[in-house]
Amino acid sequence: VPAVQVQNSLRALIEGGEVEDDSAGRLKEFTATRKKAEAGDTEAMCDLSECYFCGMNGLHKDDKQAYAWCSKAADLDCVTGMAFKGMMLYKGEGVDKDETAGAAVLGVAAGRDSAFACYILGTQSYEGTRGLPKDHKL
């Protein structure tokens, strides 16, 4: 990729308000991660999702972008992406709230050994929230 294209891309991210500052290290990391994600790297997709969800690495918090990236990863059979997607559906963050779909996606991720999905479902069961019966024996 010619340097001019990279410079233009970085400038567009800064001017578009997608990143908070022009710290070279963070922008290079973001650009590399986004390039990997766009090429189909599910780990990079999940990294972008987390950065958008938390507003990390110079990115502004953007739940819709976070959901879009974790959903792409989940669609490619990424368990981490499934767990993030399920949690966001469950809570209605970046997407219309759908507890049933969220619980289903979290259940698949938990069944495939996602510690995060197990934690979310276990916490909901322990507390008896989101329609789950209260269960302190888990």
N, C-alpha and C. Protein backbone atom coordinates (compact mmCIF):
# COMPACT_ATOMS: atom_id res chain seq x y z
N VAL A 1 0.86 -1.17 0.00
CA VAL A 1 0.00 0.00 0.00
C VAL A 1 0.90 1.24 0.00
N PRO A 2 0.73 2.10 -0.97
CA PRO A 2 1.55 3.31 -1.01
C PRO A 2 1.36 4.16 0.25
N ALA A 3 2.44 4.83 0.65
CA ALA A 3 2.41 5.66 1.85
C ALA A 3 1.34 6.74 1.76
N VAL A 4 1.09 7.26 0.58
CA VAL A 4 0.08 8.31 0.41
C VAL A 4 -1.30 7.79 0.79
N GLN A 5 -1.61 6.55 0.40
CA GLN A 5 -2.91 5.97 0.74
C GLN A 5 -3.05 5.79 2.25
N VAL A 6 -1.99 5.32 2.90
CA VAL A 6 -2.03 5.14 4.36
C VAL A 6 -2.21 6.49 5.04
N GLN A 7 -1.46 7.49 4.60
CA GLN A 7 -1.59 8.82 5.18
C GLN A 7 -3.00 9.37 5.00
N ASN A 8 -3.56 9.18 3.83
CA ASN A 8 -4.93 9.65 3.57
C ASN A 8 -5.94 8.93 4.45
N SER A 9 -5.74 7.61 4.62
CA SER A 9 -6.65 6.84 5.48
C SER A 9 -6.58 7.32 6.91
N LEU A 10 -5.36 7.52 7.41
CA LEU A 10 -5.19 8.00 8.79
C LEU A 10 -5.78 9.39 8.96
N ARG A 11 -5.55 10.25 7.99
CA ARG A 11 -6.09 11.61 8.05
C ARG A 11 -7.62 11.56 8.08
N ALA A 12 -8.21 10.69 7.27
CA ALA A 12 -9.67 10.57 7.23
C ALA A 12 -10.22 10.09 8.57
N LEU A 13 -9.52 9.14 9.22
CA LEU A 13 -9.95 8.66 10.53
C LEU A 13 -9.93 9.78 11.56
N ILE A 14 -8.88 10.58 11.53
CA ILE A 14 -8.75 11.68 12.49
C ILE A 14 -9.81 12.74 12.21
N GLU A 15 -9.91 13.17 10.96
CA GLU A 15 -10.86 14.23 10.60
C GLU A 15 -12.30 13.78 10.76
N GLY A 16 -12.55 12.49 10.57
CA GLY A 16 -13.91 11.96 10.71
C GLY A 16 -14.31 11.74 12.15
N GLY A 17 -13.38 11.99 13.07
CA GLY A 17 -13.70 11.84 14.49
C GLY A 17 -13.71 10.41 14.96
N GLU A 18 -13.20 9.47 14.16
CA GLU A 18 -13.21 8.07 14.55
C GLU A 18 -12.13 7.77 15.59
N VAL A 19 -11.09 8.57 15.63
CA VAL A 19 -10.05 8.44 16.63
C VAL A 19 -9.89 9.77 17.36
N GLU A 20 -9.50 9.70 18.64
CA GLU A 20 -9.42 10.90 19.47
C GLU A 20 -8.18 11.73 19.20
N ASP A 21 -7.07 11.10 18.94
CA ASP A 21 -5.85 11.87 18.71
C ASP A 21 -5.03 11.20 17.62
N ASP A 22 -3.94 11.82 17.26
CA ASP A 22 -3.15 11.30 16.16
C ASP A 22 -1.88 10.60 16.63
N SER A 23 -1.92 9.99 17.80
CA SER A 23 -0.78 9.24 18.30
C SER A 23 -0.38 8.19 17.27
N ALA A 24 0.82 8.30 16.78
CA ALA A 24 1.28 7.44 15.68
C ALA A 24 1.19 5.96 16.03
N GLY A 25 1.59 5.59 17.22
CA GLY A 25 1.56 4.18 17.61
C GLY A 25 0.16 3.59 17.61
N ARG A 26 -0.76 4.32 18.21
CA ARG A 26 -2.14 3.83 18.27
C ARG A 26 -2.76 3.77 16.89
N LEU A 27 -2.49 4.77 16.07
CA LEU A 27 -3.06 4.77 14.72
C LEU A 27 -2.49 3.64 13.88
N LYS A 28 -1.20 3.37 14.01
CA LYS A 28 -0.60 2.26 13.27
C LYS A 28 -1.21 0.94 13.72
N GLU A 29 -1.37 0.78 15.03
CA GLU A 29 -1.97 -0.45 15.56
C GLU A 29 -3.41 -0.60 15.07
N PHE A 30 -4.17 0.48 15.15
CA PHE A 30 -5.55 0.43 14.69
C PHE A 30 -5.61 0.08 13.21
N THR A 31 -4.78 0.72 12.41
CA THR A 31 -4.78 0.48 10.97
C THR A 31 -4.43 -0.97 10.66
N ALA A 32 -3.42 -1.51 11.34
CA ALA A 32 -3.02 -2.90 11.12
C ALA A 32 -4.14 -3.86 11.55
N THR A 33 -4.76 -3.58 12.68
CA THR A 33 -5.83 -4.44 13.17
C THR A 33 -7.03 -4.40 12.24
N ARG A 34 -7.39 -3.21 11.81
CA ARG A 34 -8.53 -3.08 10.90
C ARG A 34 -8.26 -3.79 9.57
N LYS A 35 -7.05 -3.68 9.08
CA LYS A 35 -6.68 -4.35 7.82
C LYS A 35 -6.82 -5.86 7.97
N LYS A 36 -6.35 -6.40 9.10
CA LYS A 36 -6.49 -7.84 9.36
C LYS A 36 -7.96 -8.23 9.46
N ALA A 37 -8.75 -7.41 10.16
CA ALA A 37 -10.18 -7.70 10.31
C ALA A 37 -10.87 -7.70 8.96
N GLU A 38 -10.57 -6.72 8.14
CA GLU A 38 -11.19 -6.64 6.81
C GLU A 38 -10.77 -7.81 5.92
N ALA A 39 -9.62 -8.43 6.24
CA ALA A 39 -9.15 -9.58 5.48
C ALA A 39 -9.71 -10.89 6.03
N GLY A 40 -10.54 -10.81 7.10
CA GLY A 40 -11.19 -12.01 7.62
C GLY A 40 -10.61 -12.58 8.89
N ASP A 41 -9.68 -11.89 9.54
CA ASP A 41 -9.07 -12.36 10.78
C ASP A 41 -10.05 -12.12 11.93
N THR A 42 -10.62 -13.21 12.45
CA THR A 42 -11.66 -13.08 13.48
C THR A 42 -11.12 -12.52 14.79
N GLU A 43 -9.87 -12.82 15.13
CA GLU A 43 -9.29 -12.26 16.34
C GLU A 43 -9.19 -10.74 16.23
N ALA A 44 -8.79 -10.26 15.06
CA ALA A 44 -8.72 -8.81 14.83
C ALA A 44 -10.12 -8.20 14.88
N MET A 45 -11.12 -8.90 14.36
CA MET A 45 -12.50 -8.41 14.43
C MET A 45 -12.93 -8.23 15.88
N CYS A 46 -12.60 -9.21 16.71
CA CYS A 46 -12.96 -9.12 18.13
C CYS A 46 -12.19 -8.01 18.83
N ASP A 47 -10.92 -7.83 18.45
CA ASP A 47 -10.13 -6.73 19.02
C ASP A 47 -10.77 -5.39 18.67
N LEU A 48 -11.18 -5.22 17.41
CA LEU A 48 -11.85 -3.97 17.01
C LEU A 48 -13.15 -3.79 17.76
N SER A 49 -13.90 -4.88 17.89
CA SER A 49 -15.16 -4.81 18.61
C SER A 49 -14.95 -4.31 20.03
N GLU A 50 -13.95 -4.87 20.71
CA GLU A 50 -13.67 -4.46 22.08
C GLU A 50 -13.22 -2.99 22.14
N CYS A 51 -12.38 -2.59 21.18
CA CYS A 51 -11.91 -1.20 21.16
C CYS A 51 -13.07 -0.22 20.97
N TYR A 52 -13.98 -0.56 20.06
CA TYR A 52 -15.14 0.31 19.85
C TYR A 52 -16.07 0.27 21.07
N PHE A 53 -16.27 -0.90 21.65
CA PHE A 53 -17.18 -1.05 22.78
C PHE A 53 -16.69 -0.25 23.99
N CYS A 54 -15.39 -0.30 24.23
CA CYS A 54 -14.82 0.37 25.41
C CYS A 54 -14.27 1.76 25.13
N GLY A 55 -14.19 2.13 23.85
CA GLY A 55 -13.57 3.41 23.50
C GLY A 55 -12.08 3.40 23.78
N MET A 56 -11.42 2.33 23.37
CA MET A 56 -9.98 2.16 23.64
C MET A 56 -9.13 2.52 22.42
N ASN A 57 -7.84 2.66 22.67
CA ASN A 57 -6.83 2.90 21.62
C ASN A 57 -7.16 4.10 20.75
N GLY A 58 -7.70 5.13 21.36
CA GLY A 58 -7.98 6.36 20.62
C GLY A 58 -9.31 6.37 19.89
N LEU A 59 -10.05 5.26 19.93
CA LEU A 59 -11.36 5.22 19.27
C LEU A 59 -12.43 5.77 20.19
N HIS A 60 -13.41 6.42 19.60
CA HIS A 60 -14.57 6.84 20.37
C HIS A 60 -15.45 5.62 20.59
N LYS A 61 -16.11 5.56 21.74
CA LYS A 61 -17.03 4.45 22.03
C LYS A 61 -18.13 4.46 20.97
N ASP A 62 -18.34 3.30 20.35
CA ASP A 62 -19.34 3.19 19.30
C ASP A 62 -19.90 1.77 19.34
N ASP A 63 -21.03 1.61 20.05
CA ASP A 63 -21.61 0.29 20.24
C ASP A 63 -22.06 -0.34 18.93
N LYS A 64 -22.50 0.45 17.98
CA LYS A 64 -22.94 -0.11 16.70
C LYS A 64 -21.77 -0.72 15.94
N GLN A 65 -20.63 -0.03 15.93
CA GLN A 65 -19.43 -0.59 15.30
C GLN A 65 -18.96 -1.83 16.06
N ALA A 66 -19.02 -1.77 17.38
CA ALA A 66 -18.62 -2.92 18.20
C ALA A 66 -19.47 -4.14 17.84
N TYR A 67 -20.78 -3.92 17.75
CA TYR A 67 -21.67 -5.04 17.42
C TYR A 67 -21.39 -5.55 16.00
N ALA A 68 -21.18 -4.64 15.06
CA ALA A 68 -20.94 -5.05 13.68
C ALA A 68 -19.71 -5.96 13.58
N TRP A 69 -18.63 -5.59 14.27
CA TRP A 69 -17.41 -6.39 14.19
C TRP A 69 -17.53 -7.73 14.91
N CYS A 70 -18.15 -7.75 16.09
CA CYS A 70 -18.27 -9.04 16.78
C CYS A 70 -19.25 -9.95 16.04
N SER A 71 -20.24 -9.36 15.42
CA SER A 71 -21.21 -10.14 14.65
C SER A 71 -20.53 -10.78 13.44
N LYS A 72 -19.65 -10.04 12.77
CA LYS A 72 -18.90 -10.61 11.64
C LYS A 72 -18.04 -11.78 12.10
N ALA A 73 -17.39 -11.61 13.24
CA ALA A 73 -16.56 -12.70 13.78
C ALA A 73 -17.42 -13.91 14.14
N ALA A 74 -18.56 -13.66 14.76
CA ALA A 74 -19.47 -14.76 15.13
C ALA A 74 -19.96 -15.49 13.89
N ASP A 75 -20.27 -14.74 12.84
CA ASP A 75 -20.74 -15.35 11.59
C ASP A 75 -19.67 -16.24 10.96
N LEU A 76 -18.40 -16.00 11.33
CA LEU A 76 -17.29 -16.83 10.84
C LEU A 76 -16.93 -17.92 11.84
N ASP A 77 -17.85 -18.22 12.76
CA ASP A 77 -17.73 -19.30 13.73
C ASP A 77 -16.69 -19.04 14.82
N CYS A 78 -16.46 -17.78 15.15
CA CYS A 78 -15.53 -17.40 16.21
C CYS A 78 -16.28 -17.39 17.54
N VAL A 79 -15.83 -18.21 18.48
CA VAL A 79 -16.50 -18.34 19.77
C VAL A 79 -16.47 -17.02 20.56
N THR A 80 -15.34 -16.32 20.53
CA THR A 80 -15.25 -15.04 21.23
C THR A 80 -16.23 -14.05 20.62
N GLY A 81 -16.32 -14.01 19.30
CA GLY A 81 -17.28 -13.14 18.63
C GLY A 81 -18.71 -13.49 19.01
N MET A 82 -18.99 -14.79 19.14
CA MET A 82 -20.32 -15.22 19.55
C MET A 82 -20.64 -14.72 20.95
N ALA A 83 -19.67 -14.82 21.86
CA ALA A 83 -19.90 -14.38 23.24
C ALA A 83 -20.17 -12.88 23.29
N PHE A 84 -19.36 -12.09 22.58
CA PHE A 84 -19.58 -10.64 22.54
C PHE A 84 -20.93 -10.31 21.92
N LYS A 85 -21.23 -10.97 20.80
CA LYS A 85 -22.50 -10.73 20.11
C LYS A 85 -23.68 -11.07 21.02
N GLY A 86 -23.61 -12.20 21.68
CA GLY A 86 -24.69 -12.62 22.58
C GLY A 86 -24.90 -11.62 23.70
N MET A 87 -23.79 -11.16 24.30
CA MET A 87 -23.89 -10.18 25.38
C MET A 87 -24.53 -8.89 24.89
N MET A 88 -24.13 -8.44 23.70
CA MET A 88 -24.66 -7.18 23.17
C MET A 88 -26.13 -7.31 22.81
N LEU A 89 -26.52 -8.45 22.24
CA LEU A 89 -27.94 -8.70 21.96
C LEU A 89 -28.73 -8.73 23.27
N TYR A 90 -28.20 -9.44 24.24
CA TYR A 90 -28.83 -9.61 25.54
C TYR A 90 -29.12 -8.27 26.20
N LYS A 91 -28.15 -7.36 26.10
CA LYS A 91 -28.27 -6.07 26.77
C LYS A 91 -28.80 -4.95 25.87
N GLY A 92 -28.87 -5.21 24.56
CA GLY A 92 -29.33 -4.18 23.63
C GLY A 92 -28.30 -3.08 23.44
N GLU A 93 -27.05 -3.45 23.36
CA GLU A 93 -25.97 -2.47 23.16
C GLU A 93 -25.49 -2.55 21.71
N GLY A 94 -25.75 -1.49 20.96
CA GLY A 94 -25.34 -1.44 19.56
C GLY A 94 -26.30 -2.13 18.62
N VAL A 95 -27.35 -2.70 19.17
CA VAL A 95 -28.32 -3.47 18.41
C VAL A 95 -29.62 -3.47 19.21
N ASP A 96 -30.74 -3.72 18.54
CA ASP A 96 -32.00 -3.82 19.28
C ASP A 96 -31.91 -4.97 20.29
N LYS A 97 -32.38 -4.72 21.48
CA LYS A 97 -32.34 -5.72 22.55
C LYS A 97 -33.17 -6.94 22.17
N ASP A 98 -32.55 -8.11 22.29
CA ASP A 98 -33.24 -9.37 22.02
C ASP A 98 -32.65 -10.42 22.96
N GLU A 99 -33.25 -10.50 24.16
CA GLU A 99 -32.74 -11.40 25.19
C GLU A 99 -32.77 -12.86 24.76
N THR A 100 -33.78 -13.25 24.01
CA THR A 100 -33.89 -14.63 23.56
C THR A 100 -32.75 -14.99 22.61
N ALA A 101 -32.53 -14.15 21.62
CA ALA A 101 -31.43 -14.39 20.68
C ALA A 101 -30.08 -14.30 21.39
N GLY A 102 -29.96 -13.33 22.29
CA GLY A 102 -28.72 -13.17 23.04
C GLY A 102 -28.40 -14.40 23.87
N ALA A 103 -29.41 -14.92 24.57
CA ALA A 103 -29.21 -16.12 25.39
C ALA A 103 -28.85 -17.32 24.52
N ALA A 104 -29.47 -17.41 23.35
CA ALA A 104 -29.17 -18.53 22.45
C ALA A 104 -27.71 -18.47 21.97
N VAL A 105 -27.27 -17.28 21.57
CA VAL A 105 -25.89 -17.12 21.09
C VAL A 105 -24.91 -17.35 22.25
N LEU A 106 -25.22 -16.81 23.42
CA LEU A 106 -24.37 -17.05 24.59
C LEU A 106 -24.32 -18.54 24.93
N GLY A 107 -25.45 -19.22 24.80
CA GLY A 107 -25.49 -20.66 25.08
C GLY A 107 -24.59 -21.45 24.14
N VAL A 108 -24.60 -21.08 22.88
CA VAL A 108 -23.71 -21.75 21.91
C VAL A 108 -22.25 -21.49 22.28
N ALA A 109 -21.94 -20.23 22.57
CA ALA A 109 -20.56 -19.88 22.93
C ALA A 109 -20.13 -20.59 24.21
N ALA A 110 -21.02 -20.63 25.20
CA ALA A 110 -20.70 -21.32 26.46
C ALA A 110 -20.48 -22.81 26.21
N GLY A 111 -21.30 -23.40 25.35
CA GLY A 111 -21.15 -24.81 25.01
C GLY A 111 -19.86 -25.11 24.27
N ARG A 112 -19.26 -24.07 23.72
CA ARG A 112 -17.99 -24.22 23.01
C ARG A 112 -16.84 -23.66 23.84
N ASP A 113 -17.04 -23.63 25.15
CA ASP A 113 -15.99 -23.31 26.14
C ASP A 113 -15.60 -21.84 26.23
N SER A 114 -16.52 -20.93 25.94
CA SER A 114 -16.23 -19.52 26.15
C SER A 114 -16.43 -19.18 27.63
N ALA A 115 -15.33 -18.86 28.30
CA ALA A 115 -15.41 -18.50 29.72
C ALA A 115 -16.27 -17.25 29.90
N PHE A 116 -16.16 -16.30 28.98
CA PHE A 116 -16.94 -15.06 29.07
C PHE A 116 -18.44 -15.36 28.99
N ALA A 117 -18.84 -16.20 28.03
CA ALA A 117 -20.27 -16.55 27.90
C ALA A 117 -20.75 -17.30 29.13
N CYS A 118 -19.93 -18.21 29.65
CA CYS A 118 -20.30 -18.93 30.88
C CYS A 118 -20.48 -17.97 32.04
N TYR A 119 -19.59 -16.99 32.13
CA TYR A 119 -19.68 -16.00 33.20
C TYR A 119 -20.98 -15.20 33.10
N ILE A 120 -21.30 -14.72 31.91
CA ILE A 120 -22.53 -13.93 31.73
C ILE A 120 -23.75 -14.76 32.10
N LEU A 121 -23.85 -15.96 31.56
CA LEU A 121 -25.02 -16.80 31.84
C LEU A 121 -25.05 -17.24 33.31
N GLY A 122 -23.89 -17.56 33.86
CA GLY A 122 -23.83 -17.96 35.27
C GLY A 122 -24.24 -16.84 36.20
N THR A 123 -23.81 -15.62 35.90
CA THR A 123 -24.17 -14.46 36.71
C THR A 123 -25.67 -14.21 36.64
N GLN A 124 -26.23 -14.30 35.44
CA GLN A 124 -27.67 -14.08 35.29
C GLN A 124 -28.46 -15.15 36.06
N SER A 125 -27.99 -16.38 36.01
CA SER A 125 -28.67 -17.45 36.72
C SER A 125 -28.55 -17.26 38.23
N TYR A 126 -27.36 -16.92 38.70
CA TYR A 126 -27.14 -16.71 40.12
C TYR A 126 -28.02 -15.59 40.66
N GLU A 127 -28.14 -14.51 39.87
CA GLU A 127 -28.93 -13.36 40.30
C GLU A 127 -30.41 -13.52 40.01
N GLY A 128 -30.75 -14.48 39.15
CA GLY A 128 -32.15 -14.66 38.78
C GLY A 128 -32.67 -13.52 37.92
N THR A 129 -31.82 -13.01 37.03
CA THR A 129 -32.22 -11.91 36.17
C THR A 129 -32.37 -12.37 34.73
N ARG A 130 -32.93 -11.49 33.91
CA ARG A 130 -33.12 -11.74 32.47
C ARG A 130 -33.95 -13.00 32.21
N GLY A 131 -34.90 -13.24 33.09
CA GLY A 131 -35.82 -14.35 32.89
C GLY A 131 -35.30 -15.71 33.35
N LEU A 132 -34.09 -15.75 33.90
CA LEU A 132 -33.54 -17.01 34.38
C LEU A 132 -33.93 -17.21 35.83
N PRO A 133 -34.23 -18.45 36.22
CA PRO A 133 -34.55 -18.69 37.64
C PRO A 133 -33.30 -18.51 38.49
N LYS A 134 -33.50 -17.98 39.68
CA LYS A 134 -32.39 -17.77 40.61
C LYS A 134 -31.82 -19.13 41.03
N ASP A 135 -30.52 -19.31 40.90
CA ASP A 135 -29.90 -20.59 41.21
C ASP A 135 -28.52 -20.32 41.83
N HIS A 136 -28.41 -20.54 43.12
CA HIS A 136 -27.15 -20.30 43.82
C HIS A 136 -26.27 -21.52 43.87
N LYS A 137 -26.70 -22.62 43.25
CA LYS A 137 -25.92 -23.85 43.28
C LYS A 137 -24.93 -23.95 42.12
N LEU A 138 -25.03 -23.06 41.17
CA LEU A 138 -24.12 -23.14 40.02
C LEU A 138 -22.73 -22.93 40.43
